[in-house]
Amino acid sequence: MFLGKVIGTVWSTKKDEQLVGAKFLIVRELDLKLKEKDRFVVAVDSVGAGEGEVVLVATGSSSRMTSFTKDKPVDAVIMGIVDKLDVAE
């Protein structure tokens, strides 16, 4: 799981039938100071996230455990929108 920032949308009119209705968002990984890293992922949005929001992303087999992505060909899912971070330094 990692923190990320939604930076864009991927539009796909032709896709696997199990993904019809899915919203694909481009998410750039963040560090704990919310500074953007070079790595990004395209993730299925299961929570209604929007551009500019900080989100929680699950990858791998965990990404197929939300109610929307269960048993679907997904490798990354946005499963939470972050309201606040408390980090002890």
PDB file of N, CA and C in Angstrom:
ATOM      1  N   MET A   1       0.849  -1.169   0.000  1.00  0.00           N
ATOM      2  CA  MET A   1       0.000   0.000   0.000  1.00  0.00           C
ATOM      3  C   MET A   1       0.900   1.239   0.000  1.00  0.00           C
ATOM      4  N   PHE A   2       0.479   2.274  -0.701  1.00  0.00           N
ATOM      5  CA  PHE A   2       1.260   3.512  -0.703  1.00  0.00           C
ATOM      6  C   PHE A   2       0.346   4.725  -0.805  1.00  0.00           C
ATOM      7  N   LEU A   3       0.922   5.881  -0.443  1.00  0.00           N
ATOM      8  CA  LEU A   3       0.233   7.161  -0.585  1.00  0.00           C
ATOM      9  C   LEU A   3       0.480   7.690  -1.985  1.00  0.00           C
ATOM     10  N   GLY A   4      -0.531   8.292  -2.579  1.00  0.00           N
ATOM     11  CA  GLY A   4      -0.362   8.857  -3.903  1.00  0.00           C
ATOM     12  C   GLY A   4      -1.246  10.071  -4.097  1.00  0.00           C
ATOM     13  N   LYS A   5      -0.981  10.784  -5.188  1.00  0.00           N
ATOM     14  CA  LYS A   5      -1.779  11.941  -5.558  1.00  0.00           C
ATOM     15  C   LYS A   5      -2.342  11.707  -6.948  1.00  0.00           C
ATOM     16  N   VAL A   6      -3.644  11.900  -7.094  1.00  0.00           N
ATOM     17  CA  VAL A   6      -4.288  11.717  -8.394  1.00  0.00           C
ATOM     18  C   VAL A   6      -3.869  12.872  -9.301  1.00  0.00           C
ATOM     19  N   ILE A   7      -3.259  12.520 -10.441  1.00  0.00           N
ATOM     20  CA  ILE A   7      -2.753  13.556 -11.348  1.00  0.00           C
ATOM     21  C   ILE A   7      -3.423  13.520 -12.720  1.00  0.00           C
ATOM     22  N   GLY A   8      -4.299  12.558 -12.949  1.00  0.00           N
ATOM     23  CA  GLY A   8      -4.944  12.502 -14.250  1.00  0.00           C
ATOM     24  C   GLY A   8      -5.876  11.323 -14.393  1.00  0.00           C
ATOM     25  N   THR A   9      -6.465  11.213 -15.570  1.00  0.00           N
ATOM     26  CA  THR A   9      -7.441  10.174 -15.887  1.00  0.00           C
ATOM     27  C   THR A   9      -7.027   9.454 -17.157  1.00  0.00           C
ATOM     28  N   VAL A  10      -7.290   8.157 -17.208  1.00  0.00           N
ATOM     29  CA  VAL A  10      -7.092   7.367 -18.423  1.00  0.00           C
ATOM     30  C   VAL A  10      -8.474   7.016 -18.962  1.00  0.00           C
ATOM     31  N   TRP A  11      -8.709   7.342 -20.231  1.00  0.00           N
ATOM     32  CA  TRP A  11      -9.980   7.024 -20.870  1.00  0.00           C
ATOM     33  C   TRP A  11      -9.779   5.791 -21.735  1.00  0.00           C
ATOM     34  N   SER A  12     -10.649   4.800 -21.599  1.00  0.00           N
ATOM     35  CA  SER A  12     -10.544   3.563 -22.365  1.00  0.00           C
ATOM     36  C   SER A  12     -11.944   3.110 -22.754  1.00  0.00           C
ATOM     37  N   THR A  13     -12.291   3.282 -24.023  1.00  0.00           N
ATOM     38  CA  THR A  13     -13.628   2.894 -24.451  1.00  0.00           C
ATOM     39  C   THR A  13     -13.720   1.388 -24.710  1.00  0.00           C
ATOM     40  N   LYS A  14     -12.611   0.762 -25.071  1.00  0.00           N
ATOM     41  CA  LYS A  14     -12.583  -0.687 -25.276  1.00  0.00           C
ATOM     42  C   LYS A  14     -11.709  -1.293 -24.189  1.00  0.00           C
ATOM     43  N   LYS A  15     -12.313  -2.206 -23.422  1.00  0.00           N
ATOM     44  CA  LYS A  15     -11.591  -2.847 -22.316  1.00  0.00           C
ATOM     45  C   LYS A  15     -12.264  -4.173 -21.997  1.00  0.00           C
ATOM     46  N   ASP A  16     -11.626  -4.951 -21.151  1.00  0.00           N
ATOM     47  CA  ASP A  16     -12.196  -6.209 -20.706  1.00  0.00           C
ATOM     48  C   ASP A  16     -13.595  -5.945 -20.157  1.00  0.00           C
ATOM     49  N   GLU A  17     -14.529  -6.818 -20.470  1.00  0.00           N
ATOM     50  CA  GLU A  17     -15.920  -6.603 -20.052  1.00  0.00           C
ATOM     51  C   GLU A  17     -16.079  -6.526 -18.538  1.00  0.00           C
ATOM     52  N   GLN A  18     -15.165  -7.119 -17.769  1.00  0.00           N
ATOM     53  CA  GLN A  18     -15.235  -7.038 -16.309  1.00  0.00           C
ATOM     54  C   GLN A  18     -14.907  -5.642 -15.797  1.00  0.00           C
ATOM     55  N   LEU A  19     -14.313  -4.808 -16.649  1.00  0.00           N
ATOM     56  CA  LEU A  19     -13.913  -3.464 -16.238  1.00  0.00           C
ATOM     57  C   LEU A  19     -14.827  -2.365 -16.763  1.00  0.00           C
ATOM     58  N   VAL A  20     -15.919  -2.754 -17.406  1.00  0.00           N
ATOM     59  CA  VAL A  20     -16.887  -1.761 -17.869  1.00  0.00           C
ATOM     60  C   VAL A  20     -17.431  -1.022 -16.643  1.00  0.00           C
ATOM     61  N   GLY A  21     -17.425   0.295 -16.712  1.00  0.00           N
ATOM     62  CA  GLY A  21     -17.882   1.121 -15.595  1.00  0.00           C
ATOM     63  C   GLY A  21     -16.763   1.541 -14.649  1.00  0.00           C
ATOM     64  N   ALA A  22     -15.571   0.996 -14.853  1.00  0.00           N
ATOM     65  CA  ALA A  22     -14.429   1.349 -13.998  1.00  0.00           C
ATOM     66  C   ALA A  22     -13.863   2.698 -14.414  1.00  0.00           C
ATOM     67  N   LYS A  23     -13.434   3.481 -13.416  1.00  0.00           N
ATOM     68  CA  LYS A  23     -12.758   4.755 -13.671  1.00  0.00           C
ATOM     69  C   LYS A  23     -11.274   4.527 -13.398  1.00  0.00           C
ATOM     70  N   PHE A  24     -10.424   4.841 -14.376  1.00  0.00           N
ATOM     71  CA  PHE A  24      -8.990   4.656 -14.254  1.00  0.00           C
ATOM     72  C   PHE A  24      -8.319   6.000 -13.996  1.00  0.00           C
ATOM     73  N   LEU A  25      -7.568   6.091 -12.914  1.00  0.00           N
ATOM     74  CA  LEU A  25      -6.882   7.330 -12.562  1.00  0.00           C
ATOM     75  C   LEU A  25      -5.372   7.119 -12.535  1.00  0.00           C
ATOM     76  N   ILE A  26      -4.643   8.160 -12.926  1.00  0.00           N
ATOM     77  CA  ILE A  26      -3.185   8.136 -12.853  1.00  0.00           C
ATOM     78  C   ILE A  26      -2.797   8.683 -11.493  1.00  0.00           C
ATOM     79  N   VAL A  27      -2.026   7.886 -10.739  1.00  0.00           N
ATOM     80  CA  VAL A  27      -1.653   8.255  -9.375  1.00  0.00           C
ATOM     81  C   VAL A  27      -0.133   8.284  -9.262  1.00  0.00           C
ATOM     82  N   ARG A  28       0.397   9.437  -8.824  1.00  0.00           N
ATOM     83  CA  ARG A  28       1.845   9.568  -8.600  1.00  0.00           C
ATOM     84  C   ARG A  28       2.124   9.281  -7.127  1.00  0.00           C
ATOM     85  N   GLU A  29       3.109   8.430  -6.879  1.00  0.00           N
ATOM     86  CA  GLU A  29       3.468   8.063  -5.508  1.00  0.00           C
ATOM     87  C   GLU A  29       4.012   9.268  -4.747  1.00  0.00           C
ATOM     88  N   LEU A  30       3.715   9.333  -3.430  1.00  0.00           N
ATOM     89  CA  LEU A  30       4.158  10.425  -2.560  1.00  0.00           C
ATOM     90  C   LEU A  30       5.026   9.885  -1.429  1.00  0.00           C
ATOM     91  N   ASP A  31       5.926  10.739  -0.911  1.00  0.00           N
ATOM     92  CA  ASP A  31       6.649  10.379   0.304  1.00  0.00           C
ATOM     93  C   ASP A  31       5.863  10.901   1.505  1.00  0.00           C
ATOM     94  N   LEU A  32       6.399  10.732   2.715  1.00  0.00           N
ATOM     95  CA  LEU A  32       5.657  11.127   3.915  1.00  0.00           C
ATOM     96  C   LEU A  32       5.493  12.627   4.084  1.00  0.00           C
ATOM     97  N   LYS A  33       6.259  13.418   3.333  1.00  0.00           N
ATOM     98  CA  LYS A  33       6.098  14.878   3.350  1.00  0.00           C
ATOM     99  C   LYS A  33       5.204  15.327   2.196  1.00  0.00           C
ATOM    100  N   LEU A  34       4.551  14.350   1.565  1.00  0.00           N
ATOM    101  CA  LEU A  34       3.651  14.557   0.423  1.00  0.00           C
ATOM    102  C   LEU A  34       4.366  15.133  -0.799  1.00  0.00           C
ATOM    103  N   LYS A  35       5.672  14.877  -0.877  1.00  0.00           N
ATOM    104  CA  LYS A  35       6.452  15.269  -2.043  1.00  0.00           C
ATOM    105  C   LYS A  35       6.319  14.167  -3.095  1.00  0.00           C
ATOM    106  N   GLU A  36       6.074  14.572  -4.334  1.00  0.00           N
ATOM    107  CA  GLU A  36       5.880  13.609  -5.413  1.00  0.00           C
ATOM    108  C   GLU A  36       7.164  12.888  -5.762  1.00  0.00           C
ATOM    109  N   LYS A  37       7.054  11.577  -5.991  1.00  0.00           N
ATOM    110  CA  LYS A  37       8.164  10.753  -6.461  1.00  0.00           C
ATOM    111  C   LYS A  37       8.021  10.563  -7.963  1.00  0.00           C
ATOM    112  N   ASP A  38       8.993   9.894  -8.580  1.00  0.00           N
ATOM    113  CA  ASP A  38       8.963   9.675 -10.020  1.00  0.00           C
ATOM    114  C   ASP A  38       7.982   8.574 -10.436  1.00  0.00           C
ATOM    115  N   ARG A  39       7.684   7.667  -9.535  1.00  0.00           N
ATOM    116  CA  ARG A  39       6.866   6.498  -9.866  1.00  0.00           C
ATOM    117  C   ARG A  39       5.375   6.848  -9.920  1.00  0.00           C
ATOM    118  N   PHE A  40       4.674   6.245 -10.888  1.00  0.00           N
ATOM    119  CA  PHE A  40       3.230   6.425 -10.974  1.00  0.00           C
ATOM    120  C   PHE A  40       2.583   5.101 -11.342  1.00  0.00           C
ATOM    121  N   VAL A  41       1.275   5.032 -11.171  1.00  0.00           N
ATOM    122  CA  VAL A  41       0.516   3.828 -11.497  1.00  0.00           C
ATOM    123  C   VAL A  41      -0.857   4.255 -12.014  1.00  0.00           C
ATOM    124  N   VAL A  42      -1.440   3.425 -12.853  1.00  0.00           N
ATOM    125  CA  VAL A  42      -2.831   3.606 -13.256  1.00  0.00           C
ATOM    126  C   VAL A  42      -3.652   2.697 -12.346  1.00  0.00           C
ATOM    127  N   ALA A  43      -4.599   3.270 -11.629  1.00  0.00           N
ATOM    128  CA  ALA A  43      -5.372   2.512 -10.642  1.00  0.00           C
ATOM    129  C   ALA A  43      -6.871   2.659 -10.894  1.00  0.00           C
ATOM    130  N   VAL A  44      -7.605   1.597 -10.593  1.00  0.00           N
ATOM    131  CA  VAL A  44      -9.063   1.650 -10.628  1.00  0.00           C
ATOM    132  C   VAL A  44      -9.528   2.388  -9.382  1.00  0.00           C
ATOM    133  N   ASP A  45     -10.447   3.322  -9.564  1.00  0.00           N
ATOM    134  CA  ASP A  45     -10.973   4.107  -8.444  1.00  0.00           C
ATOM    135  C   ASP A  45     -12.197   3.418  -7.866  1.00  0.00           C
ATOM    136  N   SER A  46     -12.107   3.009  -6.592  1.00  0.00           N
ATOM    137  CA  SER A  46     -13.257   2.357  -5.955  1.00  0.00           C
ATOM    138  C   SER A  46     -13.948   3.250  -4.930  1.00  0.00           C
ATOM    139  N   VAL A  47     -13.479   4.517  -4.795  1.00  0.00           N
ATOM    140  CA  VAL A  47     -14.022   5.391  -3.744  1.00  0.00           C
ATOM    141  C   VAL A  47     -14.472   6.766  -4.224  1.00  0.00           C
ATOM    142  N   GLY A  48     -14.392   7.039  -5.500  1.00  0.00           N
ATOM    143  CA  GLY A  48     -14.825   8.337  -6.016  1.00  0.00           C
ATOM    144  C   GLY A  48     -13.798   9.442  -5.856  1.00  0.00           C
ATOM    145  N   ALA A  49     -12.523   9.100  -5.989  1.00  0.00           N
ATOM    146  CA  ALA A  49     -11.445  10.087  -5.858  1.00  0.00           C
ATOM    147  C   ALA A  49     -11.427  11.009  -7.070  1.00  0.00           C
ATOM    148  N   GLY A  50     -10.803  12.179  -6.882  1.00  0.00           N
ATOM    149  CA  GLY A  50     -10.700  13.141  -7.971  1.00  0.00           C
ATOM    150  C   GLY A  50      -9.301  13.692  -8.094  1.00  0.00           C
ATOM    151  N   GLU A  51      -9.072  14.407  -9.177  1.00  0.00           N
ATOM    152  CA  GLU A  51      -7.753  14.972  -9.459  1.00  0.00           C
ATOM    153  C   GLU A  51      -7.303  15.885  -8.314  1.00  0.00           C
ATOM    154  N   GLY A  52      -6.046  15.714  -7.903  1.00  0.00           N
ATOM    155  CA  GLY A  52      -5.453  16.524  -6.847  1.00  0.00           C
ATOM    156  C   GLY A  52      -5.584  15.926  -5.461  1.00  0.00           C
ATOM    157  N   GLU A  53      -6.410  14.894  -5.295  1.00  0.00           N
ATOM    158  CA  GLU A  53      -6.599  14.309  -3.971  1.00  0.00           C
ATOM    159  C   GLU A  53      -5.463  13.341  -3.620  1.00  0.00           C
ATOM    160  N   VAL A  54      -5.156  13.283  -2.316  1.00  0.00           N
ATOM    161  CA  VAL A  54      -4.199  12.316  -1.799  1.00  0.00           C
ATOM    162  C   VAL A  54      -4.982  11.048  -1.470  1.00  0.00           C
ATOM    163  N   VAL A  55      -4.478   9.915  -1.941  1.00  0.00           N
ATOM    164  CA  VAL A  55      -5.223   8.660  -1.831  1.00  0.00           C
ATOM    165  C   VAL A  55      -4.338   7.530  -1.317  1.00  0.00           C
ATOM    166  N   LEU A  56      -4.986   6.453  -0.852  1.00  0.00           N
ATOM    167  CA  LEU A  56      -4.325   5.209  -0.491  1.00  0.00           C
ATOM    168  C   LEU A  56      -4.510   4.238  -1.643  1.00  0.00           C
ATOM    169  N   VAL A  57      -3.417   3.630  -2.076  1.00  0.00           N
ATOM    170  CA  VAL A  57      -3.450   2.706  -3.207  1.00  0.00           C
ATOM    171  C   VAL A  57      -2.949   1.342  -2.761  1.00  0.00           C
ATOM    172  N   ALA A  58      -3.699   0.306  -3.080  1.00  0.00           N
ATOM    173  CA  ALA A  58      -3.263  -1.070  -2.858  1.00  0.00           C
ATOM    174  C   ALA A  58      -2.884  -1.654  -4.216  1.00  0.00           C
ATOM    175  N   THR A  59      -1.854  -2.498  -4.218  1.00  0.00           N
ATOM    176  CA  THR A  59      -1.404  -3.119  -5.465  1.00  0.00           C
ATOM    177  C   THR A  59      -1.322  -4.633  -5.296  1.00  0.00           C
ATOM    178  N   GLY A  60      -1.105  -5.309  -6.408  1.00  0.00           N
ATOM    179  CA  GLY A  60      -0.988  -6.760  -6.378  1.00  0.00           C
ATOM    180  C   GLY A  60      -2.309  -7.423  -6.046  1.00  0.00           C
ATOM    181  N   SER A  61      -2.230  -8.595  -5.411  1.00  0.00           N
ATOM    182  CA  SER A  61      -3.450  -9.353  -5.116  1.00  0.00           C
ATOM    183  C   SER A  61      -4.392  -8.597  -4.177  1.00  0.00           C
ATOM    184  N   SER A  62      -3.870  -7.705  -3.341  1.00  0.00           N
ATOM    185  CA  SER A  62      -4.720  -6.906  -2.449  1.00  0.00           C
ATOM    186  C   SER A  62      -5.641  -5.978  -3.226  1.00  0.00           C
ATOM    187  N   SER A  63      -5.243  -5.607  -4.428  1.00  0.00           N
ATOM    188  CA  SER A  63      -6.067  -4.694  -5.215  1.00  0.00           C
ATOM    189  C   SER A  63      -7.348  -5.357  -5.719  1.00  0.00           C
ATOM    190  N   ARG A  64      -7.424  -6.669  -5.622  1.00  0.00           N
ATOM    191  CA  ARG A  64      -8.619  -7.382  -6.069  1.00  0.00           C
ATOM    192  C   ARG A  64      -9.525  -7.776  -4.901  1.00  0.00           C
ATOM    193  N   MET A  65      -9.419  -7.039  -3.787  1.00  0.00           N
ATOM    194  CA  MET A  65     -10.203  -7.381  -2.607  1.00  0.00           C
ATOM    195  C   MET A  65     -11.284  -6.357  -2.272  1.00  0.00           C
ATOM    196  N   THR A  66     -11.443  -5.298  -3.070  1.00  0.00           N
ATOM    197  CA  THR A  66     -12.547  -4.367  -2.823  1.00  0.00           C
ATOM    198  C   THR A  66     -13.819  -4.951  -3.431  1.00  0.00           C
ATOM    199  N   SER A  67     -14.953  -4.413  -3.054  1.00  0.00           N
ATOM    200  CA  SER A  67     -16.205  -4.949  -3.588  1.00  0.00           C
ATOM    201  C   SER A  67     -16.299  -4.769  -5.109  1.00  0.00           C
ATOM    202  N   PHE A  68     -15.725  -3.683  -5.641  1.00  0.00           N
ATOM    203  CA  PHE A  68     -15.795  -3.458  -7.088  1.00  0.00           C
ATOM    204  C   PHE A  68     -14.775  -4.300  -7.857  1.00  0.00           C
ATOM    205  N   THR A  69     -13.583  -4.502  -7.288  1.00  0.00           N
ATOM    206  CA  THR A  69     -12.503  -5.155  -8.037  1.00  0.00           C
ATOM    207  C   THR A  69     -12.382  -6.651  -7.793  1.00  0.00           C
ATOM    208  N   LYS A  70     -13.237  -7.228  -6.964  1.00  0.00           N
ATOM    209  CA  LYS A  70     -13.137  -8.659  -6.631  1.00  0.00           C
ATOM    210  C   LYS A  70     -13.124  -9.512  -7.892  1.00  0.00           C
ATOM    211  N   ASP A  71     -12.066 -10.321  -8.014  1.00  0.00           N
ATOM    212  CA  ASP A  71     -11.899 -11.270  -9.128  1.00  0.00           C
ATOM    213  C   ASP A  71     -11.840 -10.600 -10.502  1.00  0.00           C
ATOM    214  N   LYS A  72     -11.386  -9.343 -10.541  1.00  0.00           N
ATOM    215  CA  LYS A  72     -11.246  -8.638 -11.817  1.00  0.00           C
ATOM    216  C   LYS A  72      -9.768  -8.452 -12.146  1.00  0.00           C
ATOM    217  N   PRO A  73      -9.427  -8.249 -13.418  1.00  0.00           N
ATOM    218  CA  PRO A  73      -8.024  -8.106 -13.822  1.00  0.00           C
ATOM    219  C   PRO A  73      -7.465  -6.723 -13.471  1.00  0.00           C
ATOM    220  N   VAL A  74      -7.208  -6.521 -12.174  1.00  0.00           N
ATOM    221  CA  VAL A  74      -6.755  -5.232 -11.659  1.00  0.00           C
ATOM    222  C   VAL A  74      -5.472  -5.437 -10.870  1.00  0.00           C
ATOM    223  N   ASP A  75      -4.511  -4.530 -11.037  1.00  0.00           N
ATOM    224  CA  ASP A  75      -3.260  -4.633 -10.287  1.00  0.00           C
ATOM    225  C   ASP A  75      -3.055  -3.444  -9.361  1.00  0.00           C
ATOM    226  N   ALA A  76      -3.932  -2.439  -9.407  1.00  0.00           N
ATOM    227  CA  ALA A  76      -3.848  -1.289  -8.502  1.00  0.00           C
ATOM    228  C   ALA A  76      -5.245  -0.716  -8.315  1.00  0.00           C
ATOM    229  N   VAL A  77      -5.572  -0.375  -7.052  1.00  0.00           N
ATOM    230  CA  VAL A  77      -6.888   0.185  -6.761  1.00  0.00           C
ATOM    231  C   VAL A  77      -6.754   1.318  -5.748  1.00  0.00           C
ATOM    232  N   ILE A  78      -7.495   2.395  -5.983  1.00  0.00           N
ATOM    233  CA  ILE A  78      -7.596   3.463  -4.986  1.00  0.00           C
ATOM    234  C   ILE A  78      -8.677   3.024  -4.023  1.00  0.00           C
ATOM    235  N   MET A  79      -8.290   2.837  -2.753  1.00  0.00           N
ATOM    236  CA  MET A  79      -9.231   2.295  -1.774  1.00  0.00           C
ATOM    237  C   MET A  79      -9.506   3.249  -0.636  1.00  0.00           C
ATOM    238  N   GLY A  80      -8.942   4.454  -0.690  1.00  0.00           N
ATOM    239  CA  GLY A  80      -9.212   5.438   0.349  1.00  0.00           C
ATOM    240  C   GLY A  80      -8.751   6.816  -0.068  1.00  0.00           C
ATOM    241  N   ILE A  81      -9.455   7.839   0.427  1.00  0.00           N
ATOM    242  CA  ILE A  81      -9.058   9.229   0.230  1.00  0.00           C
ATOM    243  C   ILE A  81      -8.540   9.723   1.571  1.00  0.00           C
ATOM    244  N   VAL A  82      -7.333  10.273   1.571  1.00  0.00           N
ATOM    245  CA  VAL A  82      -6.664  10.695   2.814  1.00  0.00           C
ATOM    246  C   VAL A  82      -7.156  12.066   3.224  1.00  0.00           C
ATOM    247  N   ASP A  83      -7.571  12.178   4.492  1.00  0.00           N
ATOM    248  CA  ASP A  83      -7.985  13.465   5.051  1.00  0.00           C
ATOM    249  C   ASP A  83      -6.830  14.162   5.748  1.00  0.00           C
ATOM    250  N   LYS A  84      -5.971  13.370   6.422  1.00  0.00           N
ATOM    251  CA  LYS A  84      -4.903  13.954   7.222  1.00  0.00           C
ATOM    252  C   LYS A  84      -3.840  12.915   7.499  1.00  0.00           C
ATOM    253  N   LEU A  85      -2.591  13.374   7.628  1.00  0.00           N
ATOM    254  CA  LEU A  85      -1.488  12.501   8.026  1.00  0.00           C
ATOM    255  C   LEU A  85      -0.905  13.025   9.334  1.00  0.00           C
ATOM    256  N   ASP A  86      -0.648  12.156  10.282  1.00  0.00           N
ATOM    257  CA  ASP A  86       0.085  12.500  11.499  1.00  0.00           C
ATOM    258  C   ASP A  86       1.346  11.642  11.489  1.00  0.00           C
ATOM    259  N   VAL A  87       2.502  12.282  11.282  1.00  0.00           N
ATOM    260  CA  VAL A  87       3.766  11.580  11.199  1.00  0.00           C
ATOM    261  C   VAL A  87       4.702  12.085  12.287  1.00  0.00           C
ATOM    262  N   ALA A  88       5.170  11.187  13.163  1.00  0.00           N
ATOM    263  CA  ALA A  88       6.145  11.554  14.197  1.00  0.00           C
ATOM    264  C   ALA A  88       7.530  11.555  13.573  1.00  0.00           C
ATOM    265  N   GLU A  89       8.261  12.650  13.784  1.00  0.00           N
ATOM    266  CA  GLU A  89       9.610  12.735  13.198  1.00  0.00           C
ATOM    267  C   GLU A  89      10.648  12.825  14.272  1.00  0.00           C
TER     268      GLU A  89
END
